[in-house]
């Protein structure tokens, strides 16, 4: 998992450099870690658990839209999926931008869109100063 986090951080940094991005981008995967950010700074929350859209499961982000903006949601194939293994999962990335100062939460829910029950939930605390 640490290897995946490092790889995703490197990919994000290279992409940021290639596109002329000047803001620092950091990947987060631990909901126990409070994310401290300045307004108008962008950050990434990396969902470290594999997501497997072929089974219908994916992560949904619930957050206060007055404080945070979801800039982009992407999916990275896992190692086995890249090798062509049918049904292998990957990782979902959620790229947020802080809009105003204050404290907020992002609740990530892993579920099928047509079901009410979630398999897992992670709550990230955001402090915008």
N, C-alpha and C. Protein backbone atom coordinates (compact mmCIF):
# COMPACT_ATOMS: atom_id res chain seq x y z
N UNK A 1 0.83 -1.19 0.00
CA UNK A 1 0.00 0.00 0.00
C UNK A 1 0.87 1.25 0.00
N UNK A 2 1.97 1.23 0.76
CA UNK A 2 2.87 2.37 0.79
C UNK A 2 3.48 2.61 -0.59
N UNK A 3 3.80 1.51 -1.27
CA UNK A 3 4.37 1.59 -2.62
C UNK A 3 3.38 2.27 -3.56
N UNK A 4 2.09 1.93 -3.43
CA UNK A 4 1.05 2.52 -4.26
C UNK A 4 0.91 4.01 -3.96
N UNK A 5 0.95 4.39 -2.68
CA UNK A 5 0.84 5.79 -2.30
C UNK A 5 1.99 6.60 -2.88
N UNK A 6 3.21 6.06 -2.82
CA UNK A 6 4.38 6.75 -3.38
C UNK A 6 4.23 6.89 -4.89
N UNK A 7 3.81 5.81 -5.55
CA UNK A 7 3.63 5.84 -7.00
C UNK A 7 2.60 6.89 -7.40
N UNK A 8 1.48 6.93 -6.73
CA UNK A 8 0.44 7.90 -7.06
C UNK A 8 0.92 9.32 -6.81
N UNK A 9 1.65 9.54 -5.72
CA UNK A 9 2.18 10.87 -5.42
C UNK A 9 3.14 11.32 -6.51
N UNK A 10 3.99 10.41 -6.98
CA UNK A 10 4.93 10.74 -8.06
C UNK A 10 4.17 11.05 -9.34
N UNK A 11 3.17 10.25 -9.69
CA UNK A 11 2.38 10.48 -10.90
C UNK A 11 1.70 11.84 -10.82
N UNK A 12 1.13 12.16 -9.68
CA UNK A 12 0.45 13.45 -9.51
C UNK A 12 1.45 14.60 -9.63
N UNK A 13 2.63 14.44 -9.02
CA UNK A 13 3.64 15.50 -9.08
C UNK A 13 4.11 15.72 -10.51
N UNK A 14 4.36 14.65 -11.24
CA UNK A 14 4.80 14.77 -12.63
C UNK A 14 3.72 15.42 -13.48
N UNK A 15 2.49 15.00 -13.30
CA UNK A 15 1.36 15.60 -14.03
C UNK A 15 1.25 17.08 -13.71
N UNK A 16 1.41 17.42 -12.45
CA UNK A 16 1.33 18.81 -12.03
C UNK A 16 2.43 19.64 -12.68
N UNK A 17 3.65 19.10 -12.72
CA UNK A 17 4.76 19.82 -13.35
C UNK A 17 4.54 19.96 -14.85
N UNK A 18 4.04 18.92 -15.49
CA UNK A 18 3.83 18.94 -16.94
C UNK A 18 2.76 19.94 -17.36
N UNK A 19 1.78 20.15 -16.50
CA UNK A 19 0.68 21.05 -16.85
C UNK A 19 0.89 22.46 -16.32
N UNK A 20 2.02 22.72 -15.66
CA UNK A 20 2.32 24.06 -15.17
C UNK A 20 1.67 24.38 -13.83
N UNK A 21 1.25 23.39 -13.11
CA UNK A 21 0.62 23.58 -11.80
C UNK A 21 1.65 24.13 -10.81
N UNK A 22 1.29 25.15 -10.05
CA UNK A 22 2.23 25.73 -9.10
C UNK A 22 1.87 25.42 -7.65
N UNK A 23 0.71 24.84 -7.42
CA UNK A 23 0.34 24.51 -6.05
C UNK A 23 0.91 23.16 -5.67
N UNK A 24 1.23 23.02 -4.38
CA UNK A 24 1.73 21.74 -3.88
C UNK A 24 0.56 20.77 -3.76
N UNK A 25 0.78 19.57 -4.22
CA UNK A 25 -0.25 18.55 -4.18
C UNK A 25 0.26 17.40 -3.34
N UNK A 26 -0.52 16.95 -2.37
CA UNK A 26 -0.13 15.86 -1.50
C UNK A 26 -1.26 14.84 -1.45
N UNK A 27 -0.90 13.57 -1.45
CA UNK A 27 -1.90 12.50 -1.38
C UNK A 27 -2.15 12.12 0.07
N UNK A 28 -3.40 11.88 0.42
CA UNK A 28 -3.79 11.45 1.76
C UNK A 28 -4.55 10.13 1.65
N UNK A 29 -4.29 9.24 2.57
CA UNK A 29 -5.02 7.97 2.58
C UNK A 29 -5.48 7.58 3.97
N UNK A 30 -4.98 8.26 4.99
CA UNK A 30 -5.29 7.91 6.38
C UNK A 30 -6.34 8.87 6.94
N UNK A 31 -7.56 8.36 7.21
CA UNK A 31 -8.59 9.25 7.74
C UNK A 31 -8.29 9.75 9.16
N UNK A 32 -7.31 9.15 9.83
CA UNK A 32 -6.92 9.60 11.17
C UNK A 32 -6.09 10.89 11.11
N UNK A 33 -5.54 11.19 9.94
CA UNK A 33 -4.70 12.37 9.75
C UNK A 33 -5.57 13.56 9.35
N UNK A 34 -5.53 14.63 10.14
CA UNK A 34 -6.27 15.84 9.79
C UNK A 34 -5.56 16.53 8.62
N UNK A 35 -6.33 16.94 7.63
CA UNK A 35 -5.77 17.59 6.46
C UNK A 35 -5.85 19.10 6.68
N UNK A 36 -4.69 19.74 6.85
CA UNK A 36 -4.63 21.18 7.02
C UNK A 36 -4.28 21.82 5.68
N UNK A 37 -5.09 22.75 5.25
CA UNK A 37 -4.92 23.34 3.92
C UNK A 37 -5.30 24.82 3.96
N UNK A 38 -4.75 25.61 3.04
CA UNK A 38 -5.09 27.01 2.91
C UNK A 38 -6.19 27.15 1.85
N UNK A 39 -7.02 28.21 1.94
CA UNK A 39 -8.03 28.41 0.90
C UNK A 39 -7.38 28.50 -0.48
N UNK A 40 -8.06 27.98 -1.48
CA UNK A 40 -7.61 27.95 -2.87
C UNK A 40 -6.42 27.00 -3.12
N UNK A 41 -6.02 26.23 -2.12
CA UNK A 41 -4.99 25.22 -2.33
C UNK A 41 -5.70 23.91 -2.67
N UNK A 42 -5.08 23.14 -3.52
CA UNK A 42 -5.67 21.87 -3.91
C UNK A 42 -4.99 20.72 -3.17
N UNK A 43 -5.73 19.66 -2.95
CA UNK A 43 -5.18 18.49 -2.29
C UNK A 43 -5.86 17.26 -2.84
N UNK A 44 -5.21 16.12 -2.65
CA UNK A 44 -5.75 14.86 -3.14
C UNK A 44 -5.98 13.93 -1.97
N UNK A 45 -7.11 13.27 -1.98
CA UNK A 45 -7.35 12.19 -1.05
C UNK A 45 -7.26 10.90 -1.84
N UNK A 46 -6.35 10.07 -1.46
CA UNK A 46 -6.17 8.78 -2.13
C UNK A 46 -6.91 7.72 -1.34
N UNK A 47 -7.84 7.06 -1.98
CA UNK A 47 -8.53 5.95 -1.34
C UNK A 47 -7.64 4.73 -1.51
N UNK A 48 -7.04 4.29 -0.42
CA UNK A 48 -6.04 3.23 -0.48
C UNK A 48 -6.66 1.85 -0.70
N UNK A 49 -7.90 1.67 -0.35
CA UNK A 49 -8.55 0.40 -0.62
C UNK A 49 -8.83 0.27 -2.10
N UNK A 50 -8.67 -0.93 -2.60
CA UNK A 50 -8.95 -1.11 -4.01
C UNK A 50 -10.43 -0.91 -4.28
N UNK A 51 -10.69 -0.28 -5.36
CA UNK A 51 -12.05 -0.09 -5.85
C UNK A 51 -12.22 -1.03 -7.02
N UNK A 52 -13.39 -1.57 -7.17
CA UNK A 52 -13.60 -2.51 -8.27
C UNK A 52 -14.91 -2.22 -8.97
N UNK A 53 -14.89 -1.27 -9.91
CA UNK A 53 -16.11 -0.89 -10.62
C UNK A 53 -16.76 -2.05 -11.39
N UNK A 54 -15.97 -3.08 -11.75
CA UNK A 54 -16.56 -4.20 -12.49
C UNK A 54 -17.57 -4.96 -11.64
N UNK A 55 -17.49 -4.81 -10.31
CA UNK A 55 -18.46 -5.45 -9.41
C UNK A 55 -19.56 -4.48 -9.00
N UNK A 56 -19.46 -3.24 -9.48
CA UNK A 56 -20.45 -2.23 -9.13
C UNK A 56 -20.05 -1.37 -7.95
N UNK A 57 -18.98 -1.73 -7.26
CA UNK A 57 -18.55 -0.97 -6.09
C UNK A 57 -17.62 0.17 -6.48
N UNK A 58 -17.86 1.32 -5.86
CA UNK A 58 -16.97 2.47 -6.04
C UNK A 58 -17.15 3.39 -4.84
N UNK A 59 -16.25 4.35 -4.72
CA UNK A 59 -16.29 5.31 -3.62
C UNK A 59 -17.15 6.51 -4.01
N UNK A 60 -17.94 6.98 -3.07
CA UNK A 60 -18.73 8.20 -3.23
C UNK A 60 -18.26 9.22 -2.20
N UNK A 61 -18.08 10.45 -2.63
CA UNK A 61 -17.63 11.52 -1.75
C UNK A 61 -18.82 12.38 -1.33
N UNK A 62 -19.00 12.55 -0.03
CA UNK A 62 -20.02 13.45 0.52
C UNK A 62 -19.29 14.54 1.30
N UNK A 63 -19.57 15.81 0.95
CA UNK A 63 -18.83 16.92 1.54
C UNK A 63 -19.65 18.20 1.44
N UNK A 64 -19.23 19.22 2.17
CA UNK A 64 -19.89 20.52 2.16
C UNK A 64 -19.41 21.29 0.93
N UNK A 65 -20.29 21.47 -0.04
CA UNK A 65 -19.93 22.12 -1.30
C UNK A 65 -19.67 23.62 -1.17
N UNK A 66 -20.02 24.21 -0.03
CA UNK A 66 -19.70 25.62 0.18
C UNK A 66 -18.25 25.79 0.62
N UNK A 67 -17.65 24.71 1.16
CA UNK A 67 -16.26 24.77 1.64
C UNK A 67 -15.27 24.09 0.71
N UNK A 68 -15.74 23.08 -0.02
CA UNK A 68 -14.85 22.29 -0.86
C UNK A 68 -15.43 22.11 -2.25
N UNK A 69 -14.55 22.02 -3.22
CA UNK A 69 -14.97 21.76 -4.60
C UNK A 69 -14.26 20.49 -5.07
N UNK A 70 -15.02 19.55 -5.62
CA UNK A 70 -14.44 18.35 -6.22
C UNK A 70 -13.96 18.73 -7.61
N UNK A 71 -12.64 18.82 -7.78
CA UNK A 71 -12.04 19.26 -9.04
C UNK A 71 -12.04 18.11 -10.05
N UNK A 72 -11.69 16.91 -9.58
CA UNK A 72 -11.56 15.78 -10.49
C UNK A 72 -11.64 14.47 -9.72
N UNK A 73 -12.24 13.49 -10.33
CA UNK A 73 -12.29 12.13 -9.79
C UNK A 73 -11.75 11.21 -10.88
N UNK A 74 -10.70 10.44 -10.54
CA UNK A 74 -10.09 9.56 -11.53
C UNK A 74 -9.94 8.15 -10.96
N UNK A 75 -9.67 7.23 -11.85
CA UNK A 75 -9.49 5.83 -11.48
C UNK A 75 -8.18 5.33 -12.07
N UNK A 76 -7.34 4.73 -11.23
CA UNK A 76 -6.06 4.16 -11.65
C UNK A 76 -6.18 2.64 -11.62
N UNK A 77 -5.85 1.99 -12.72
CA UNK A 77 -5.84 0.53 -12.75
C UNK A 77 -4.80 -0.01 -11.79
N UNK A 78 -5.11 -1.11 -11.13
CA UNK A 78 -4.15 -1.79 -10.27
C UNK A 78 -3.18 -2.61 -11.10
N UNK A 79 -2.15 -3.14 -10.45
CA UNK A 79 -1.12 -3.90 -11.16
C UNK A 79 -1.72 -5.08 -11.93
N UNK A 80 -2.62 -5.83 -11.30
CA UNK A 80 -3.20 -7.00 -11.95
C UNK A 80 -4.11 -6.61 -13.11
N UNK A 81 -4.82 -5.52 -12.95
CA UNK A 81 -5.69 -5.05 -14.03
C UNK A 81 -4.86 -4.64 -15.25
N UNK A 82 -3.70 -4.05 -15.00
CA UNK A 82 -2.81 -3.66 -16.10
C UNK A 82 -2.28 -4.88 -16.84
N UNK A 83 -2.20 -6.00 -16.13
CA UNK A 83 -1.74 -7.25 -16.75
C UNK A 83 -2.86 -7.98 -17.48
N UNK A 84 -4.07 -7.43 -17.40
CA UNK A 84 -5.20 -8.02 -18.11
C UNK A 84 -6.02 -9.00 -17.31
N UNK A 85 -5.81 -9.06 -15.99
CA UNK A 85 -6.59 -9.96 -15.15
C UNK A 85 -8.02 -9.44 -15.06
N UNK A 86 -8.97 -10.25 -15.50
CA UNK A 86 -10.38 -9.86 -15.50
C UNK A 86 -10.88 -9.73 -14.06
N UNK A 87 -11.57 -8.64 -13.78
CA UNK A 87 -12.15 -8.42 -12.46
C UNK A 87 -11.20 -7.81 -11.44
N UNK A 88 -9.96 -7.53 -11.83
CA UNK A 88 -9.00 -6.91 -10.91
C UNK A 88 -9.36 -5.45 -10.72
N UNK A 89 -9.12 -4.94 -9.53
CA UNK A 89 -9.49 -3.58 -9.20
C UNK A 89 -8.37 -2.58 -9.38
N UNK A 90 -8.57 -1.41 -8.83
CA UNK A 90 -7.61 -0.33 -8.90
C UNK A 90 -7.81 0.63 -7.75
N UNK A 91 -7.50 1.89 -7.96
CA UNK A 91 -7.59 2.91 -6.91
C UNK A 91 -8.31 4.14 -7.45
N UNK A 92 -9.21 4.67 -6.66
CA UNK A 92 -9.89 5.92 -7.03
C UNK A 92 -9.19 7.09 -6.36
N UNK A 93 -9.04 8.19 -7.10
CA UNK A 93 -8.43 9.41 -6.59
C UNK A 93 -9.46 10.54 -6.65
N UNK A 94 -9.55 11.29 -5.57
CA UNK A 94 -10.46 12.42 -5.49
C UNK A 94 -9.63 13.68 -5.27
N UNK A 95 -9.72 14.64 -6.19
CA UNK A 95 -8.94 15.87 -6.17
C UNK A 95 -9.86 17.01 -5.75
N UNK A 96 -9.61 17.58 -4.57
CA UNK A 96 -10.45 18.64 -4.02
C UNK A 96 -9.71 19.96 -3.98
N UNK A 97 -10.47 21.04 -3.95
CA UNK A 97 -9.94 22.39 -3.76
C UNK A 97 -10.70 23.02 -2.60
N UNK A 98 -9.95 23.64 -1.66
CA UNK A 98 -10.57 24.34 -0.54
C UNK A 98 -11.09 25.69 -1.01
N UNK A 99 -12.33 26.04 -0.64
CA UNK A 99 -12.95 27.28 -1.09
C UNK A 99 -12.94 28.38 -0.04
N UNK A 100 -13.10 28.00 1.23
CA UNK A 100 -13.11 29.01 2.29
C UNK A 100 -12.59 28.43 3.59
N UNK A 101 -12.28 29.30 4.55
CA UNK A 101 -11.72 28.88 5.83
C UNK A 101 -12.77 28.22 6.70
N UNK A 102 -12.30 27.32 7.56
CA UNK A 102 -13.18 26.63 8.49
C UNK A 102 -12.83 25.15 8.57
N UNK A 103 -13.65 24.42 9.31
CA UNK A 103 -13.43 22.98 9.44
C UNK A 103 -14.57 22.24 8.76
N UNK A 104 -14.22 21.15 8.10
CA UNK A 104 -15.22 20.38 7.38
C UNK A 104 -14.81 18.91 7.39
N UNK A 105 -15.65 18.08 6.83
CA UNK A 105 -15.37 16.66 6.70
C UNK A 105 -15.71 16.19 5.29
N UNK A 106 -14.97 15.19 4.86
CA UNK A 106 -15.30 14.49 3.63
C UNK A 106 -15.58 13.05 4.05
N UNK A 107 -16.77 12.59 3.78
CA UNK A 107 -17.13 11.21 4.09
C UNK A 107 -17.08 10.40 2.81
N UNK A 108 -16.21 9.41 2.79
CA UNK A 108 -16.06 8.53 1.64
C UNK A 108 -16.79 7.22 1.95
N UNK A 109 -17.69 6.83 1.05
CA UNK A 109 -18.50 5.63 1.25
C UNK A 109 -18.25 4.68 0.08
N UNK A 110 -17.91 3.43 0.40
CA UNK A 110 -17.65 2.41 -0.62
C UNK A 110 -18.89 1.54 -0.75
N UNK A 111 -19.59 1.68 -1.88
CA UNK A 111 -20.85 0.96 -2.06
C UNK A 111 -21.23 0.88 -3.52
N UNK A 112 -22.27 0.12 -3.76
CA UNK A 112 -22.88 0.10 -5.09
C UNK A 112 -23.91 1.21 -5.14
N UNK A 113 -24.00 1.92 -6.25
CA UNK A 113 -24.88 3.09 -6.34
C UNK A 113 -26.35 2.74 -6.13
N UNK A 114 -26.75 1.54 -6.43
CA UNK A 114 -28.16 1.15 -6.31
C UNK A 114 -28.49 0.52 -4.96
N UNK A 115 -27.50 0.38 -4.09
CA UNK A 115 -27.74 -0.19 -2.76
C UNK A 115 -27.56 0.87 -1.68
N UNK A 116 -28.30 0.73 -0.59
CA UNK A 116 -28.19 1.69 0.50
C UNK A 116 -27.04 1.35 1.45
N UNK A 117 -26.79 0.07 1.66
CA UNK A 117 -25.77 -0.37 2.60
C UNK A 117 -24.36 -0.21 2.02
N UNK A 118 -23.46 0.38 2.80
CA UNK A 118 -22.08 0.57 2.37
C UNK A 118 -21.20 -0.54 2.96
N UNK A 119 -20.18 -0.94 2.19
CA UNK A 119 -19.21 -1.91 2.70
C UNK A 119 -18.23 -1.25 3.66
N UNK A 120 -17.90 0.02 3.38
CA UNK A 120 -16.93 0.72 4.20
C UNK A 120 -17.18 2.22 4.13
N UNK A 121 -16.71 2.90 5.18
CA UNK A 121 -16.83 4.36 5.24
C UNK A 121 -15.56 4.92 5.86
N UNK A 122 -15.04 6.01 5.30
CA UNK A 122 -13.89 6.72 5.84
C UNK A 122 -14.26 8.19 5.94
N UNK A 123 -13.95 8.81 7.07
CA UNK A 123 -14.24 10.22 7.27
C UNK A 123 -12.93 10.99 7.43
N UNK A 124 -12.69 11.94 6.52
CA UNK A 124 -11.48 12.77 6.56
C UNK A 124 -11.85 14.14 7.12
N UNK A 125 -11.07 14.64 8.09
CA UNK A 125 -11.29 15.96 8.67
C UNK A 125 -10.40 16.96 7.92
N UNK A 126 -11.02 18.07 7.50
CA UNK A 126 -10.33 19.10 6.74
C UNK A 126 -10.33 20.39 7.56
N UNK A 127 -9.17 20.99 7.75
CA UNK A 127 -9.07 22.29 8.41
C UNK A 127 -8.51 23.28 7.40
N UNK A 128 -9.32 24.24 7.03
CA UNK A 128 -8.91 25.26 6.07
C UNK A 128 -8.60 26.54 6.84
N UNK A 129 -7.32 26.95 6.82
CA UNK A 129 -6.88 28.14 7.58
C UNK A 129 -6.26 29.15 6.66
